[in-house]
PDB file of N, CA and C in Angstrom:
ATOM      1  N   MET A   1      -0.991  -3.970 -31.061  1.00  0.00           N
ATOM      2  CA  MET A   1      -1.412  -2.575 -31.145  1.00  0.00           C
ATOM      3  C   MET A   1      -2.138  -2.338 -32.479  1.00  0.00           C
ATOM      4  N   VAL A   2      -3.322  -1.744 -32.449  1.00  0.00           N
ATOM      5  CA  VAL A   2      -4.121  -1.475 -33.637  1.00  0.00           C
ATOM      6  C   VAL A   2      -3.955  -0.015 -34.030  1.00  0.00           C
ATOM      7  N   LYS A   3      -3.598   0.191 -35.296  1.00  0.00           N
ATOM      8  CA  LYS A   3      -3.454   1.564 -35.806  1.00  0.00           C
ATOM      9  C   LYS A   3      -4.805   2.084 -36.254  1.00  0.00           C
ATOM     10  N   ASP A   4      -5.016   3.384 -36.076  1.00  0.00           N
ATOM     11  CA  ASP A   4      -6.239   4.016 -36.575  1.00  0.00           C
ATOM     12  C   ASP A   4      -6.232   3.971 -38.100  1.00  0.00           C
ATOM     13  N   LYS A   5      -7.385   3.638 -38.675  1.00  0.00           N
ATOM     14  CA  LYS A   5      -7.501   3.622 -40.130  1.00  0.00           C
ATOM     15  C   LYS A   5      -7.648   5.053 -40.636  1.00  0.00           C
ATOM     16  N   MET A   6      -7.029   5.318 -41.759  1.00  0.00           N
ATOM     17  CA  MET A   6      -7.175   6.626 -42.397  1.00  0.00           C
ATOM     18  C   MET A   6      -8.571   6.705 -43.010  1.00  0.00           C
ATOM     19  N   VAL A   7      -9.261   7.772 -42.758  1.00  0.00           N
ATOM     20  CA  VAL A   7     -10.599   7.973 -43.319  1.00  0.00           C
ATOM     21  C   VAL A   7     -10.493   9.015 -44.408  1.00  0.00           C
ATOM     22  N   ARG A   8     -10.880   8.644 -45.622  1.00  0.00           N
ATOM     23  CA  ARG A   8     -10.845   9.582 -46.738  1.00  0.00           C
ATOM     24  C   ARG A   8     -12.147  10.358 -46.781  1.00  0.00           C
ATOM     25  N   PRO A   9     -12.054  11.672 -46.908  1.00  0.00           N
ATOM     26  CA  PRO A   9     -13.296  12.457 -46.975  1.00  0.00           C
ATOM     27  C   PRO A   9     -14.042  12.183 -48.279  1.00  0.00           C
ATOM     28  N   MET A  10     -15.344  12.212 -48.205  1.00  0.00           N
ATOM     29  CA  MET A  10     -16.160  12.062 -49.412  1.00  0.00           C
ATOM     30  C   MET A  10     -16.048  13.361 -50.204  1.00  0.00           C
ATOM     31  N   THR A  11     -15.832  13.240 -51.480  1.00  0.00           N
ATOM     32  CA  THR A  11     -15.743  14.435 -52.310  1.00  0.00           C
ATOM     33  C   THR A  11     -17.023  14.583 -53.115  1.00  0.00           C
ATOM     34  N   GLN A  12     -17.349  15.804 -53.400  1.00  0.00           N
ATOM     35  CA  GLN A  12     -18.530  16.109 -54.195  1.00  0.00           C
ATOM     36  C   GLN A  12     -18.208  15.881 -55.671  1.00  0.00           C
ATOM     37  N   PRO A  13     -19.173  15.435 -56.466  1.00  0.00           N
ATOM     38  CA  PRO A  13     -18.935  15.333 -57.900  1.00  0.00           C
ATOM     39  C   PRO A  13     -18.777  16.738 -58.478  1.00  0.00           C
ATOM     40  N   PRO A  14     -18.120  16.859 -59.613  1.00  0.00           N
ATOM     41  CA  PRO A  14     -17.944  18.188 -60.219  1.00  0.00           C
ATOM     42  C   PRO A  14     -19.288  18.838 -60.532  1.00  0.00           C
ATOM     43  N   GLU A  15     -19.311  20.141 -60.443  1.00  0.00           N
ATOM     44  CA  GLU A  15     -20.519  20.909 -60.768  1.00  0.00           C
ATOM     45  C   GLU A  15     -20.726  20.886 -62.281  1.00  0.00           C
ATOM     46  N   VAL A  16     -21.958  20.719 -62.712  1.00  0.00           N
ATOM     47  CA  VAL A  16     -22.298  20.732 -64.135  1.00  0.00           C
ATOM     48  C   VAL A  16     -23.097  22.003 -64.410  1.00  0.00           C
ATOM     49  N   ILE A  17     -22.629  22.770 -65.391  1.00  0.00           N
ATOM     50  CA  ILE A  17     -23.281  24.027 -65.749  1.00  0.00           C
ATOM     51  C   ILE A  17     -23.702  23.951 -67.207  1.00  0.00           C
ATOM     52  N   GLU A  18     -25.007  24.092 -67.453  1.00  0.00           N
ATOM     53  CA  GLU A  18     -25.517  24.099 -68.820  1.00  0.00           C
ATOM     54  C   GLU A  18     -25.490  25.526 -69.357  1.00  0.00           C
ATOM     55  N   VAL A  19     -25.029  25.660 -70.592  1.00  0.00           N
ATOM     56  CA  VAL A  19     -24.993  26.971 -71.241  1.00  0.00           C
ATOM     57  C   VAL A  19     -25.777  26.887 -72.543  1.00  0.00           C
ATOM     58  N   SER A  20     -26.168  28.025 -73.056  1.00  0.00           N
ATOM     59  CA  SER A  20     -26.938  28.113 -74.285  1.00  0.00           C
ATOM     60  C   SER A  20     -26.168  27.480 -75.446  1.00  0.00           C
ATOM     61  N   ALA A  21     -26.913  26.909 -76.396  1.00  0.00           N
ATOM     62  CA  ALA A  21     -26.302  26.242 -77.543  1.00  0.00           C
ATOM     63  C   ALA A  21     -25.511  27.197 -78.426  1.00  0.00           C
ATOM     64  N   ASP A  22     -25.815  28.498 -78.370  1.00  0.00           N
ATOM     65  CA  ASP A  22     -25.110  29.453 -79.229  1.00  0.00           C
ATOM     66  C   ASP A  22     -23.842  30.030 -78.589  1.00  0.00           C
ATOM     67  N   VAL A  23     -23.487  29.590 -77.401  1.00  0.00           N
ATOM     68  CA  VAL A  23     -22.284  30.078 -76.712  1.00  0.00           C
ATOM     69  C   VAL A  23     -21.049  29.387 -77.287  1.00  0.00           C
ATOM     70  N   ASP A  24     -19.990  30.163 -77.563  1.00  0.00           N
ATOM     71  CA  ASP A  24     -18.752  29.597 -78.105  1.00  0.00           C
ATOM     72  C   ASP A  24     -17.665  29.428 -77.051  1.00  0.00           C
ATOM     73  N   SER A  25     -17.757  30.214 -75.945  1.00  0.00           N
ATOM     74  CA  SER A  25     -16.736  30.119 -74.906  1.00  0.00           C
ATOM     75  C   SER A  25     -17.354  30.401 -73.538  1.00  0.00           C
ATOM     76  N   VAL A  26     -16.690  29.930 -72.499  1.00  0.00           N
ATOM     77  CA  VAL A  26     -17.144  30.139 -71.121  1.00  0.00           C
ATOM     78  C   VAL A  26     -15.937  30.519 -70.272  1.00  0.00           C
ATOM     79  N   LYS A  27     -16.222  31.195 -69.150  1.00  0.00           N
ATOM     80  CA  LYS A  27     -15.152  31.491 -68.211  1.00  0.00           C
ATOM     81  C   LYS A  27     -15.464  30.821 -66.887  1.00  0.00           C
ATOM     82  N   CYS A  28     -14.417  30.481 -66.154  1.00  0.00           N
ATOM     83  CA  CYS A  28     -14.583  29.837 -64.859  1.00  0.00           C
ATOM     84  C   CYS A  28     -13.607  30.464 -63.877  1.00  0.00           C
ATOM     85  N   ASN A  29     -14.095  30.716 -62.653  1.00  0.00           N
ATOM     86  CA  ASN A  29     -13.228  31.236 -61.596  1.00  0.00           C
ATOM     87  C   ASN A  29     -13.316  30.370 -60.334  1.00  0.00           C
ATOM     88  N   GLY A  30     -13.967  29.218 -60.474  1.00  0.00           N
ATOM     89  CA  GLY A  30     -14.084  28.299 -59.348  1.00  0.00           C
ATOM     90  C   GLY A  30     -15.143  28.667 -58.345  1.00  0.00           C
ATOM     91  N   GLY A  31     -15.736  29.848 -58.469  1.00  0.00           N
ATOM     92  CA  GLY A  31     -16.738  30.285 -57.507  1.00  0.00           C
ATOM     93  C   GLY A  31     -16.126  30.548 -56.147  1.00  0.00           C
ATOM     94  N   ASN A  32     -16.940  30.743 -55.165  1.00  0.00           N
ATOM     95  CA  ASN A  32     -16.497  30.949 -53.784  1.00  0.00           C
ATOM     96  C   ASN A  32     -15.602  32.164 -53.581  1.00  0.00           C
ATOM     97  N   GLY A  33     -15.716  33.175 -54.410  1.00  0.00           N
ATOM     98  CA  GLY A  33     -14.960  34.415 -54.222  1.00  0.00           C
ATOM     99  C   GLY A  33     -13.466  34.193 -54.138  1.00  0.00           C
ATOM    100  N   ALA A  34     -12.863  34.621 -53.048  1.00  0.00           N
ATOM    101  CA  ALA A  34     -11.405  34.511 -52.874  1.00  0.00           C
ATOM    102  C   ALA A  34     -10.942  33.062 -52.752  1.00  0.00           C
ATOM    103  N   LEU A  35     -11.857  32.153 -52.515  1.00  0.00           N
ATOM    104  CA  LEU A  35     -11.484  30.746 -52.388  1.00  0.00           C
ATOM    105  C   LEU A  35     -11.516  30.016 -53.726  1.00  0.00           C
ATOM    106  N   GLY A  36     -11.810  30.726 -54.795  1.00  0.00           N
ATOM    107  CA  GLY A  36     -11.864  30.130 -56.131  1.00  0.00           C
ATOM    108  C   GLY A  36     -10.468  29.975 -56.723  1.00  0.00           C
ATOM    109  N   HIS A  37     -10.374  30.129 -58.027  1.00  0.00           N
ATOM    110  CA  HIS A  37      -9.085  30.051 -58.725  1.00  0.00           C
ATOM    111  C   HIS A  37      -9.013  31.190 -59.730  1.00  0.00           C
ATOM    112  N   PRO A  38      -7.861  31.395 -60.369  1.00  0.00           N
ATOM    113  CA  PRO A  38      -7.767  32.470 -61.368  1.00  0.00           C
ATOM    114  C   PRO A  38      -8.810  32.263 -62.475  1.00  0.00           C
ATOM    115  N   VAL A  39      -9.276  33.347 -63.051  1.00  0.00           N
ATOM    116  CA  VAL A  39     -10.243  33.266 -64.146  1.00  0.00           C
ATOM    117  C   VAL A  39      -9.572  32.649 -65.369  1.00  0.00           C
ATOM    118  N   VAL A  40     -10.229  31.656 -65.929  1.00  0.00           N
ATOM    119  CA  VAL A  40      -9.748  31.020 -67.158  1.00  0.00           C
ATOM    120  C   VAL A  40     -10.909  30.949 -68.138  1.00  0.00           C
ATOM    121  N   TRP A  41     -10.591  31.055 -69.414  1.00  0.00           N
ATOM    122  CA  TRP A  41     -11.592  30.981 -70.473  1.00  0.00           C
ATOM    123  C   TRP A  41     -11.402  29.681 -71.235  1.00  0.00           C
ATOM    124  N   TYR A  42     -12.511  29.061 -71.625  1.00  0.00           N
ATOM    125  CA  TYR A  42     -12.477  27.832 -72.409  1.00  0.00           C
ATOM    126  C   TYR A  42     -13.340  27.991 -73.639  1.00  0.00           C
ATOM    127  N   SER A  43     -12.860  27.518 -74.777  1.00  0.00           N
ATOM    128  CA  SER A  43     -13.605  27.555 -76.022  1.00  0.00           C
ATOM    129  C   SER A  43     -14.152  26.156 -76.306  1.00  0.00           C
ATOM    130  N   PHE A  44     -15.377  26.090 -76.794  1.00  0.00           N
ATOM    131  CA  PHE A  44     -15.970  24.797 -77.110  1.00  0.00           C
ATOM    132  C   PHE A  44     -15.359  24.177 -78.367  1.00  0.00           C
ATOM    133  N   ASP A  45     -14.897  25.003 -79.306  1.00  0.00           N
ATOM    134  CA  ASP A  45     -14.246  24.509 -80.535  1.00  0.00           C
ATOM    135  C   ASP A  45     -14.966  23.316 -81.150  1.00  0.00           C
ATOM    136  N   GLY A  46     -16.287  23.421 -81.305  1.00  0.00           N
ATOM    137  CA  GLY A  46     -17.067  22.363 -81.926  1.00  0.00           C
ATOM    138  C   GLY A  46     -17.455  21.222 -80.993  1.00  0.00           C
ATOM    139  N   LYS A  47     -17.006  21.267 -79.747  1.00  0.00           N
ATOM    140  CA  LYS A  47     -17.352  20.218 -78.781  1.00  0.00           C
ATOM    141  C   LYS A  47     -18.639  20.598 -78.059  1.00  0.00           C
ATOM    142  N   SER A  48     -19.287  19.619 -77.460  1.00  0.00           N
ATOM    143  CA  SER A  48     -20.517  19.882 -76.729  1.00  0.00           C
ATOM    144  C   SER A  48     -20.270  20.119 -75.245  1.00  0.00           C
ATOM    145  N   GLN A  49     -19.039  19.901 -74.790  1.00  0.00           N
ATOM    146  CA  GLN A  49     -18.717  20.125 -73.379  1.00  0.00           C
ATOM    147  C   GLN A  49     -17.237  20.455 -73.209  1.00  0.00           C
ATOM    148  N   VAL A  50     -16.942  21.209 -72.155  1.00  0.00           N
ATOM    149  CA  VAL A  50     -15.558  21.488 -71.771  1.00  0.00           C
ATOM    150  C   VAL A  50     -15.461  21.364 -70.254  1.00  0.00           C
ATOM    151  N   GLU A  51     -14.279  21.005 -69.776  1.00  0.00           N
ATOM    152  CA  GLU A  51     -14.065  20.813 -68.349  1.00  0.00           C
ATOM    153  C   GLU A  51     -12.969  21.751 -67.869  1.00  0.00           C
ATOM    154  N   CYS A  52     -13.189  22.388 -66.710  1.00  0.00           N
ATOM    155  CA  CYS A  52     -12.206  23.297 -66.136  1.00  0.00           C
ATOM    156  C   CYS A  52     -11.020  22.489 -65.602  1.00  0.00           C
ATOM    157  N   ALA A  53      -9.833  22.902 -65.975  1.00  0.00           N
ATOM    158  CA  ALA A  53      -8.623  22.207 -65.536  1.00  0.00           C
ATOM    159  C   ALA A  53      -8.325  22.451 -64.058  1.00  0.00           C
ATOM    160  N   TYR A  54      -8.888  23.515 -63.479  1.00  0.00           N
ATOM    161  CA  TYR A  54      -8.653  23.810 -62.063  1.00  0.00           C
ATOM    162  C   TYR A  54      -9.630  23.078 -61.146  1.00  0.00           C
ATOM    163  N   CYS A  55     -10.929  23.238 -61.406  1.00  0.00           N
ATOM    164  CA  CYS A  55     -11.936  22.759 -60.446  1.00  0.00           C
ATOM    165  C   CYS A  55     -12.819  21.632 -60.979  1.00  0.00           C
ATOM    166  N   ASP A  56     -12.579  21.198 -62.198  1.00  0.00           N
ATOM    167  CA  ASP A  56     -13.328  20.104 -62.820  1.00  0.00           C
ATOM    168  C   ASP A  56     -14.790  20.423 -63.123  1.00  0.00           C
ATOM    169  N   ARG A  57     -15.191  21.696 -63.031  1.00  0.00           N
ATOM    170  CA  ARG A  57     -16.559  22.053 -63.442  1.00  0.00           C
ATOM    171  C   ARG A  57     -16.740  21.612 -64.884  1.00  0.00           C
ATOM    172  N   LEU A  58     -17.917  21.109 -65.187  1.00  0.00           N
ATOM    173  CA  LEU A  58     -18.208  20.663 -66.531  1.00  0.00           C
ATOM    174  C   LEU A  58     -19.236  21.610 -67.138  1.00  0.00           C
ATOM    175  N   PHE A  59     -18.892  22.209 -68.250  1.00  0.00           N
ATOM    176  CA  PHE A  59     -19.790  23.114 -68.966  1.00  0.00           C
ATOM    177  C   PHE A  59     -20.372  22.362 -70.148  1.00  0.00           C
ATOM    178  N   LEU A  60     -21.698  22.243 -70.191  1.00  0.00           N
ATOM    179  CA  LEU A  60     -22.395  21.518 -71.251  1.00  0.00           C
ATOM    180  C   LEU A  60     -23.235  22.474 -72.074  1.00  0.00           C
ATOM    181  N   LYS A  61     -23.153  22.326 -73.389  1.00  0.00           N
ATOM    182  CA  LYS A  61     -24.026  23.108 -74.258  1.00  0.00           C
ATOM    183  C   LYS A  61     -25.395  22.450 -74.273  1.00  0.00           C
ATOM    184  N   LYS A  62     -26.451  23.258 -74.117  1.00  0.00           N
ATOM    185  CA  LYS A  62     -27.807  22.730 -74.235  1.00  0.00           C
ATOM    186  C   LYS A  62     -28.030  22.346 -75.684  1.00  0.00           C
ATOM    187  N   SER A  63     -28.728  21.245 -75.900  1.00  0.00           N
ATOM    188  CA  SER A  63     -29.015  20.845 -77.276  1.00  0.00           C
ATOM    189  C   SER A  63     -30.053  21.787 -77.872  1.00  0.00           C
ATOM    190  N   ALA A  64     -29.904  22.063 -79.148  1.00  0.00           N
ATOM    191  CA  ALA A  64     -30.774  23.027 -79.821  1.00  0.00           C
ATOM    192  C   ALA A  64     -32.173  22.554 -79.993  1.00  0.00           C
TER     193      ALA A  64
END
């Protein structure tokens, strides 16, 4: 007897959002309205990128 193989769905890579170089913080709600996640704020704190802990969106500062 042959068992059906489990098929893993292909996942999309995280969304990358570029923000102005003078921005110090960003907010993320996951998008998709009610299908998103609670609003969270992230501070760059001298870094050039931050990643959302809920949806893995990557926020990148544009180089000056």
